[in-house]
Amino acid sequence: MIMTPSARKFALTAHVTSSVGALGAVAGFLVLAIVGLTSKDSQMVRVAYPAMELIARYVIVPLVLASLITGLIQSLGTTWGLFRHYWVLAKLLLNALVTIVLLLQMDGISCVAAAAAETALSDTDLLGLRRSILTHAVGGLLVLLVPVALSIYKPRGMTRYGWRKHHEGSTAAPQP
């Protein structure tokens, strides 16, 4: 089912807004992760991790989920299709990967936030978990940049399904 032009533009606006919003929120999260890991100011560390939890839970997770849902709507409601082009499929898989990893990281983020809120963290407290949060934030930011590039460049290449559908449409007999 192909969307009307106004519905397509609305869906595209929602998708771009949620995707770019998630990218910006992850960048802000990354700054806080760096501050939390490197700052010598204990008060700064104590506020950084709870702020990270709030941003992750109430900004990044909803935006990433919205990006995934609106991307599905866009692909299913336009001629690009979900399984016709490799770049669309790659965007879907990357978005799904980011969503899964983020949801798996939420317990660790909450754990560090709770510990930071209760007491001043020393340089070694929960160091492995804090490094993991930083590493995942860097990785998440880089992974979220790939769909942006794919959306702009739209590399050629149709899947087998897309190739078959393309040729079925071009060889179909004209309707009277």
C-alpha atoms as a PDB file:
ATOM      1  CA  MET A   1       0.000   0.000   0.000  1.00  0.00           C
ATOM      2  CA  ILE A   2       1.483   3.302  -1.078  1.00  0.00           C
ATOM      3  CA  MET A   3       0.847   6.339   1.129  1.00  0.00           C
ATOM      4  CA  THR A   4      -0.579   9.586  -0.163  1.00  0.00           C
ATOM      5  CA  PRO A   5       2.011  12.333  -0.665  1.00  0.00           C
ATOM      6  CA  SER A   6       0.890  14.197   2.468  1.00  0.00           C
ATOM      7  CA  ALA A   7       0.966  11.030   4.592  1.00  0.00           C
ATOM      8  CA  ARG A   8       4.402  10.162   3.176  1.00  0.00           C
ATOM      9  CA  LYS A   9       5.733  13.619   4.041  1.00  0.00           C
ATOM     10  CA  PHE A  10       4.291  13.400   7.554  1.00  0.00           C
ATOM     11  CA  ALA A  11       5.814   9.941   8.081  1.00  0.00           C
ATOM     12  CA  LEU A  12       9.146  11.104   6.668  1.00  0.00           C
ATOM     13  CA  THR A  13       9.144  14.149   8.951  1.00  0.00           C
ATOM     14  CA  ALA A  14       8.414  11.958  11.975  1.00  0.00           C
ATOM     15  CA  HIS A  15      11.166   9.526  10.968  1.00  0.00           C
ATOM     16  CA  VAL A  16      13.811  12.175  10.344  1.00  0.00           C
ATOM     17  CA  THR A  17      12.892  14.030  13.536  1.00  0.00           C
ATOM     18  CA  SER A  18      13.089  10.925  15.717  1.00  0.00           C
ATOM     19  CA  SER A  19      16.299   9.715  14.056  1.00  0.00           C
ATOM     20  CA  VAL A  20      18.114  13.041  14.320  1.00  0.00           C
ATOM     21  CA  GLY A  21      16.759  13.532  17.835  1.00  0.00           C
ATOM     22  CA  ALA A  22      18.144  10.157  18.880  1.00  0.00           C
ATOM     23  CA  LEU A  23      21.497  11.038  17.344  1.00  0.00           C
ATOM     24  CA  GLY A  24      21.627  14.323  19.290  1.00  0.00           C
ATOM     25  CA  ALA A  25      20.499  12.704  22.529  1.00  0.00           C
ATOM     26  CA  VAL A  26      23.195  10.037  22.221  1.00  0.00           C
ATOM     27  CA  ALA A  27      25.774  12.791  21.635  1.00  0.00           C
ATOM     28  CA  GLY A  28      24.637  14.507  24.858  1.00  0.00           C
ATOM     29  CA  PHE A  29      24.681  11.163  26.677  1.00  0.00           C
ATOM     30  CA  LEU A  30      28.243  10.598  25.423  1.00  0.00           C
ATOM     31  CA  VAL A  31      29.386  13.943  26.846  1.00  0.00           C
ATOM     32  CA  LEU A  32      27.959  12.989  30.238  1.00  0.00           C
ATOM     33  CA  ALA A  33      29.604   9.540  30.041  1.00  0.00           C
ATOM     34  CA  ILE A  34      32.983  11.174  29.386  1.00  0.00           C
ATOM     35  CA  VAL A  35      32.453  13.600  32.277  1.00  0.00           C
ATOM     36  CA  GLY A  36      31.355  10.776  34.578  1.00  0.00           C
ATOM     37  CA  LEU A  37      34.429   8.719  33.784  1.00  0.00           C
ATOM     38  CA  THR A  38      37.083  11.450  33.709  1.00  0.00           C
ATOM     39  CA  SER A  39      35.967  14.236  36.048  1.00  0.00           C
ATOM     40  CA  LYS A  40      37.804  14.737  39.327  1.00  0.00           C
ATOM     41  CA  ASP A  41      34.848  16.738  40.665  1.00  0.00           C
ATOM     42  CA  SER A  42      32.786  14.277  42.720  1.00  0.00           C
ATOM     43  CA  GLN A  43      29.655  16.447  42.523  1.00  0.00           C
ATOM     44  CA  MET A  44      29.887  16.490  38.733  1.00  0.00           C
ATOM     45  CA  VAL A  45      30.132  12.701  38.685  1.00  0.00           C
ATOM     46  CA  ARG A  46      27.222  12.370  41.113  1.00  0.00           C
ATOM     47  CA  VAL A  47      24.923  14.331  38.809  1.00  0.00           C
ATOM     48  CA  ALA A  48      26.239  13.012  35.481  1.00  0.00           C
ATOM     49  CA  TYR A  49      25.104   9.408  35.890  1.00  0.00           C
ATOM     50  CA  PRO A  50      21.550  10.088  37.103  1.00  0.00           C
ATOM     51  CA  ALA A  51      21.207  12.598  34.255  1.00  0.00           C
ATOM     52  CA  MET A  52      22.407   9.908  31.841  1.00  0.00           C
ATOM     53  CA  GLU A  53      19.763   7.524  33.110  1.00  0.00           C
ATOM     54  CA  LEU A  54      17.038  10.133  32.609  1.00  0.00           C
ATOM     55  CA  ILE A  55      18.231  10.936  29.098  1.00  0.00           C
ATOM     56  CA  ALA A  56      18.512   7.260  28.169  1.00  0.00           C
ATOM     57  CA  ARG A  57      15.157   6.239  29.623  1.00  0.00           C
ATOM     58  CA  TYR A  58      13.004   9.199  28.640  1.00  0.00           C
ATOM     59  CA  VAL A  59      14.692  10.557  25.522  1.00  0.00           C
ATOM     60  CA  ILE A  60      16.915   8.033  23.754  1.00  0.00           C
ATOM     61  CA  VAL A  61      14.756   4.906  24.174  1.00  0.00           C
ATOM     62  CA  PRO A  62      11.529   6.595  22.975  1.00  0.00           C
ATOM     63  CA  LEU A  63      13.308   8.275  20.047  1.00  0.00           C
ATOM     64  CA  VAL A  64      15.054   5.077  18.939  1.00  0.00           C
ATOM     65  CA  LEU A  65      11.765   3.165  19.133  1.00  0.00           C
ATOM     66  CA  ALA A  66       9.992   5.955  17.236  1.00  0.00           C
ATOM     67  CA  SER A  67      12.720   5.887  14.594  1.00  0.00           C
ATOM     68  CA  LEU A  68      12.323   2.134  14.212  1.00  0.00           C
ATOM     69  CA  ILE A  69       8.528   2.315  13.940  1.00  0.00           C
ATOM     70  CA  THR A  70       8.450   5.311  11.610  1.00  0.00           C
ATOM     71  CA  GLY A  71      11.149   3.713   9.464  1.00  0.00           C
ATOM     72  CA  LEU A  72       9.013   0.607   9.105  1.00  0.00           C
ATOM     73  CA  ILE A  73       6.015   2.755   8.198  1.00  0.00           C
ATOM     74  CA  GLN A  74       8.104   4.660   5.647  1.00  0.00           C
ATOM     75  CA  SER A  75       9.454   1.515   4.027  1.00  0.00           C
ATOM     76  CA  LEU A  76       6.126  -0.283   3.885  1.00  0.00           C
ATOM     77  CA  GLY A  77       4.206   2.760   2.679  1.00  0.00           C
ATOM     78  CA  THR A  78       6.522   3.844  -0.126  1.00  0.00           C
ATOM     79  CA  THR A  79       7.949   2.308  -3.268  1.00  0.00           C
ATOM     80  CA  TRP A  80      11.283   1.800  -1.523  1.00  0.00           C
ATOM     81  CA  GLY A  81       9.827  -1.203   0.292  1.00  0.00           C
ATOM     82  CA  LEU A  82      11.314  -2.969   3.285  1.00  0.00           C
ATOM     83  CA  PHE A  83      13.086  -5.821   1.497  1.00  0.00           C
ATOM     84  CA  ARG A  84      13.664  -4.352  -1.968  1.00  0.00           C
ATOM     85  CA  HIS A  85      16.891  -2.404  -1.415  1.00  0.00           C
ATOM     86  CA  TYR A  86      19.919  -3.376   0.621  1.00  0.00           C
ATOM     87  CA  TRP A  87      20.306   0.119   2.070  1.00  0.00           C
ATOM     88  CA  VAL A  88      16.764   0.067   3.513  1.00  0.00           C
ATOM     89  CA  LEU A  89      17.339  -3.387   4.978  1.00  0.00           C
ATOM     90  CA  ALA A  90      20.688  -2.244   6.426  1.00  0.00           C
ATOM     91  CA  LYS A  91      18.990   0.743   8.095  1.00  0.00           C
ATOM     92  CA  LEU A  92      16.373  -1.557   9.617  1.00  0.00           C
ATOM     93  CA  LEU A  93      18.970  -3.986  10.947  1.00  0.00           C
ATOM     94  CA  LEU A  94      21.158  -1.202  12.374  1.00  0.00           C
ATOM     95  CA  ASN A  95      18.180   0.447  14.048  1.00  0.00           C
ATOM     96  CA  ALA A  96      17.086  -2.892  15.516  1.00  0.00           C
ATOM     97  CA  LEU A  97      20.647  -3.531  16.741  1.00  0.00           C
ATOM     98  CA  VAL A  98      20.860  -0.102  18.387  1.00  0.00           C
ATOM     99  CA  THR A  99      17.484  -0.650  20.054  1.00  0.00           C
ATOM    100  CA  ILE A 100      18.414  -4.084  21.421  1.00  0.00           C
ATOM    101  CA  VAL A 101      21.834  -2.991  22.707  1.00  0.00           C
ATOM    102  CA  LEU A 102      20.350   0.115  24.294  1.00  0.00           C
ATOM    103  CA  LEU A 103      17.658  -1.870  26.096  1.00  0.00           C
ATOM    104  CA  LEU A 104      20.290  -4.336  27.325  1.00  0.00           C
ATOM    105  CA  GLN A 105      22.444  -1.446  28.616  1.00  0.00           C
ATOM    106  CA  MET A 106      19.631   0.167  30.599  1.00  0.00           C
ATOM    107  CA  ASP A 107      20.174  -2.021  33.684  1.00  0.00           C
ATOM    108  CA  GLY A 108      23.852  -1.062  33.823  1.00  0.00           C
ATOM    109  CA  ILE A 109      23.051   2.613  33.347  1.00  0.00           C
ATOM    110  CA  SER A 110      20.475   2.426  36.153  1.00  0.00           C
ATOM    111  CA  CYS A 111      22.926   0.615  38.426  1.00  0.00           C
ATOM    112  CA  VAL A 112      25.634   3.257  37.992  1.00  0.00           C
ATOM    113  CA  ALA A 113      23.081   6.073  38.350  1.00  0.00           C
ATOM    114  CA  ALA A 114      21.794   4.609  41.615  1.00  0.00           C
ATOM    115  CA  ALA A 115      25.315   4.148  42.979  1.00  0.00           C
ATOM    116  CA  ALA A 116      26.300   7.702  41.999  1.00  0.00           C
ATOM    117  CA  ALA A 117      23.170   9.140  43.610  1.00  0.00           C
ATOM    118  CA  GLU A 118      23.849   7.339  46.906  1.00  0.00           C
ATOM    119  CA  THR A 119      27.547   8.007  47.306  1.00  0.00           C
ATOM    120  CA  ALA A 120      30.490   9.684  45.629  1.00  0.00           C
ATOM    121  CA  LEU A 121      32.060   7.255  43.189  1.00  0.00           C
ATOM    122  CA  SER A 122      35.804   6.811  43.390  1.00  0.00           C
ATOM    123  CA  ASP A 123      37.893   6.428  40.235  1.00  0.00           C
ATOM    124  CA  THR A 124      37.664   2.638  40.566  1.00  0.00           C
ATOM    125  CA  ASP A 125      34.019   2.196  41.618  1.00  0.00           C
ATOM    126  CA  LEU A 126      32.089   0.331  38.933  1.00  0.00           C
ATOM    127  CA  LEU A 127      34.904   1.190  36.528  1.00  0.00           C
ATOM    128  CA  GLY A 128      34.193  -1.684  34.126  1.00  0.00           C
ATOM    129  CA  LEU A 129      30.523  -0.773  33.910  1.00  0.00           C
ATOM    130  CA  ARG A 130      31.276   2.921  33.493  1.00  0.00           C
ATOM    131  CA  ARG A 131      33.751   2.139  30.684  1.00  0.00           C
ATOM    132  CA  SER A 132      31.163  -0.119  29.069  1.00  0.00           C
ATOM    133  CA  ILE A 133      28.605   2.694  29.110  1.00  0.00           C
ATOM    134  CA  LEU A 134      31.112   5.041  27.469  1.00  0.00           C
ATOM    135  CA  THR A 135      32.130   2.456  24.865  1.00  0.00           C
ATOM    136  CA  HIS A 136      28.521   1.702  23.999  1.00  0.00           C
ATOM    137  CA  ALA A 137      27.733   5.408  23.708  1.00  0.00           C
ATOM    138  CA  VAL A 138      30.604   5.899  21.246  1.00  0.00           C
ATOM    139  CA  GLY A 139      29.573   2.795  19.311  1.00  0.00           C
ATOM    140  CA  GLY A 140      25.927   3.830  19.325  1.00  0.00           C
ATOM    141  CA  LEU A 141      26.758   7.263  17.968  1.00  0.00           C
ATOM    142  CA  LEU A 142      28.877   5.787  15.178  1.00  0.00           C
ATOM    143  CA  VAL A 143      26.255   3.178  14.305  1.00  0.00           C
ATOM    144  CA  LEU A 144      23.523   5.848  14.205  1.00  0.00           C
ATOM    145  CA  LEU A 145      25.572   7.874  11.711  1.00  0.00           C
ATOM    146  CA  VAL A 146      25.576   5.003   9.190  1.00  0.00           C
ATOM    147  CA  PRO A 147      21.800   5.134   8.505  1.00  0.00           C
ATOM    148  CA  VAL A 148      22.111   8.885   7.997  1.00  0.00           C
ATOM    149  CA  ALA A 149      24.713   8.282   5.288  1.00  0.00           C
ATOM    150  CA  LEU A 150      22.648   5.465   3.766  1.00  0.00           C
ATOM    151  CA  SER A 151      19.598   7.740   3.613  1.00  0.00           C
ATOM    152  CA  ILE A 152      21.528  10.443   1.820  1.00  0.00           C
ATOM    153  CA  TYR A 153      23.567   8.328  -0.616  1.00  0.00           C
ATOM    154  CA  LYS A 154      21.054   5.477  -1.168  1.00  0.00           C
ATOM    155  CA  PRO A 155      23.641   3.078  -2.588  1.00  0.00           C
ATOM    156  CA  ARG A 156      22.509   0.989  -5.514  1.00  0.00           C
ATOM    157  CA  GLY A 157      21.686  -2.621  -5.065  1.00  0.00           C
ATOM    158  CA  MET A 158      18.413  -4.433  -4.961  1.00  0.00           C
ATOM    159  CA  THR A 159      17.803  -7.589  -3.022  1.00  0.00           C
ATOM    160  CA  ARG A 160      16.691 -10.690  -4.948  1.00  0.00           C
ATOM    161  CA  TYR A 161      13.150  -9.974  -3.800  1.00  0.00           C
ATOM    162  CA  GLY A 162      13.406  -6.360  -4.970  1.00  0.00           C
ATOM    163  CA  TRP A 163      14.859  -7.394  -8.323  1.00  0.00           C
ATOM    164  CA  ARG A 164      12.029  -9.881  -8.841  1.00  0.00           C
ATOM    165  CA  LYS A 165       9.352  -7.342  -7.852  1.00  0.00           C
ATOM    166  CA  HIS A 166      10.919  -4.716 -10.111  1.00  0.00           C
ATOM    167  CA  HIS A 167      10.857  -7.021 -13.116  1.00  0.00           C
ATOM    168  CA  GLU A 168       7.349  -8.303 -12.346  1.00  0.00           C
ATOM    169  CA  GLY A 169       6.077  -4.712 -12.436  1.00  0.00           C
ATOM    170  CA  SER A 170       7.860  -3.868 -15.694  1.00  0.00           C
ATOM    171  CA  THR A 171       6.760  -7.046 -17.533  1.00  0.00           C
ATOM    172  CA  ALA A 172       3.141  -7.021 -16.404  1.00  0.00           C
ATOM    173  CA  ALA A 173       0.582  -6.631 -19.179  1.00  0.00           C
ATOM    174  CA  PRO A 174      -1.008  -3.174 -19.294  1.00  0.00           C
ATOM    175  CA  GLN A 175      -4.469  -2.910 -17.801  1.00  0.00           C
ATOM    176  CA  PRO A 176      -7.296  -1.979 -20.238  1.00  0.00           C
END
